[in-house]
Amino acid sequence: MASINELCKIAVEEIEHALAVGIVDLSSGLLLGVHHTIPYFTPNFLNAVAAAAVDMFRGQSISAVEAQYSESQSGSTNALREAYLGTTKTYHFMSIIPGKKNALAILISNKNIS
């Protein structure tokens, strides 16, 4: 069985315009696996991206919004499933991995992706 890092590498190699793929544990904030082709993606940078993703999906602000949402939607918690961010040169796609409520996949691509 392939490791998470190997699976991330395969994804980067097979997804056209992919620059990086990572898996983040949303309960601990740990980067479980990553592969990238960008020299300035240092371990510190990657850990900062993982921490930001945890804040977006499980942080205090989103938790407060989801608590209010769950009151009106019959107890729905951790309702945020996907997010997209754009920079001047890249797209960042994030999605909870189906069946793994605390695992988040992040794909960073250049803006040429279709």
Protein backbone atom coordinates (compact mmCIF):
# COMPACT_ATOMS: atom_id res chain seq x y z
CA MET A 1 0.00 0.00 0.00
CA ALA A 2 1.30 3.45 -0.93
CA SER A 3 2.07 6.01 1.76
CA ILE A 4 0.16 9.30 1.95
CA ASN A 5 3.21 11.13 0.59
CA GLU A 6 3.36 8.72 -2.37
CA LEU A 7 -0.35 9.22 -3.06
CA CYS A 8 0.14 13.01 -2.94
CA LYS A 9 3.04 12.66 -5.40
CA ILE A 10 0.92 10.60 -7.78
CA ALA A 11 -1.84 13.21 -7.61
CA VAL A 12 0.57 16.07 -8.39
CA GLU A 13 2.01 14.11 -11.31
CA GLU A 14 -1.37 13.10 -12.74
CA ILE A 15 -3.45 16.26 -12.21
CA GLU A 16 -2.66 18.73 -14.94
CA HIS A 17 -1.34 22.05 -13.54
CA ALA A 18 -1.15 20.70 -9.96
CA LEU A 19 1.61 22.29 -7.90
CA ALA A 20 0.97 20.64 -4.54
CA VAL A 21 -1.29 18.16 -2.77
CA GLY A 22 -1.46 17.72 0.96
CA ILE A 23 -3.57 15.94 3.56
CA VAL A 24 -4.25 17.64 6.91
CA ASP A 25 -5.61 16.07 10.09
CA LEU A 26 -8.24 18.59 11.18
CA SER A 27 -8.33 17.35 14.77
CA SER A 28 -4.59 17.78 15.41
CA GLY A 29 -3.56 20.22 12.69
CA LEU A 30 -0.81 17.89 11.54
CA LEU A 31 0.18 17.69 7.91
CA LEU A 32 -0.21 13.95 7.29
CA GLY A 33 1.31 13.92 3.84
CA VAL A 34 2.37 16.31 1.11
CA HIS A 35 4.07 16.53 -2.24
CA HIS A 36 4.86 19.72 -4.15
CA THR A 37 6.94 21.10 -6.99
CA ILE A 38 7.51 24.59 -5.55
CA PRO A 39 10.97 25.32 -4.09
CA TYR A 40 9.76 27.99 -1.65
CA PHE A 41 7.19 25.63 -0.05
CA THR A 42 9.34 25.11 3.04
CA PRO A 43 8.22 22.94 5.96
CA ASN A 44 7.32 26.12 7.88
CA PHE A 45 5.21 27.40 4.99
CA LEU A 46 3.44 24.04 4.61
CA ASN A 47 2.70 23.89 8.33
CA ALA A 48 1.30 27.43 8.18
CA VAL A 49 -1.01 26.40 5.31
CA ALA A 50 -2.15 23.37 7.32
CA ALA A 51 -2.85 25.56 10.37
CA ALA A 52 -4.81 28.05 8.24
CA ALA A 53 -6.89 25.20 6.79
CA VAL A 54 -7.69 23.94 10.28
CA ASP A 55 -8.79 27.45 11.27
CA MET A 56 -11.05 27.67 8.21
CA PHE A 57 -12.69 24.29 8.79
CA ARG A 58 -12.58 23.86 12.58
CA GLY A 59 -11.60 27.25 14.00
CA GLN A 60 -13.46 29.24 16.61
CA SER A 61 -15.22 31.56 14.14
CA ILE A 62 -16.51 28.82 11.84
CA SER A 63 -17.50 26.73 14.86
CA ALA A 64 -19.64 29.63 16.13
CA VAL A 65 -21.31 29.99 12.73
CA GLU A 66 -21.92 26.25 12.51
CA ALA A 67 -23.40 26.17 16.01
CA GLN A 68 -25.97 28.76 14.97
CA TYR A 69 -26.54 26.96 11.67
CA SER A 70 -27.07 23.64 13.45
CA GLU A 71 -29.85 25.13 15.57
CA SER A 72 -31.83 25.87 12.42
CA GLN A 73 -30.77 22.76 10.50
CA SER A 74 -31.48 19.94 12.96
CA GLY A 75 -28.07 19.59 14.58
CA SER A 76 -25.79 19.80 11.55
CA THR A 77 -22.17 20.10 12.78
CA ASN A 78 -19.00 20.46 10.76
CA ALA A 79 -21.18 21.39 7.81
CA LEU A 80 -18.35 23.04 5.87
CA ARG A 81 -17.21 20.41 3.36
CA GLU A 82 -15.26 22.34 0.72
CA ALA A 83 -13.52 25.66 0.26
CA TYR A 84 -11.77 27.42 -2.58
CA LEU A 85 -9.26 30.24 -2.39
CA GLY A 86 -7.56 32.11 -5.16
CA THR A 87 -4.35 34.10 -5.23
CA THR A 88 -3.00 36.11 -8.10
CA LYS A 89 -1.30 33.01 -9.52
CA THR A 90 -2.86 29.95 -7.87
CA TYR A 91 -6.06 28.19 -6.90
CA HIS A 92 -6.36 26.34 -3.58
CA PHE A 93 -9.07 23.67 -3.47
CA MET A 94 -9.87 22.09 -0.11
CA SER A 95 -12.27 19.25 0.61
CA ILE A 96 -13.08 16.98 3.51
CA ILE A 97 -12.19 13.46 2.39
CA PRO A 98 -15.43 11.45 2.14
CA GLY A 99 -15.76 9.06 5.06
CA LYS A 100 -12.96 10.81 6.97
CA LYS A 101 -14.58 13.73 8.81
CA ASN A 102 -11.23 14.96 10.16
CA ALA A 103 -9.09 14.58 7.04
CA LEU A 104 -8.80 17.46 4.59
CA ALA A 105 -7.30 17.25 1.11
CA ILE A 106 -5.71 20.39 -0.32
CA LEU A 107 -4.85 20.80 -3.99
CA ILE A 108 -2.91 23.85 -5.14
CA SER A 109 -2.80 24.47 -8.88
CA ASN A 110 -1.71 27.25 -11.14
CA LYS A 111 -4.48 29.24 -12.79
CA ASN A 112 -4.20 27.30 -16.07
CA ILE A 113 -6.27 24.41 -14.65
CA SER A 114 -9.56 23.82 -16.44
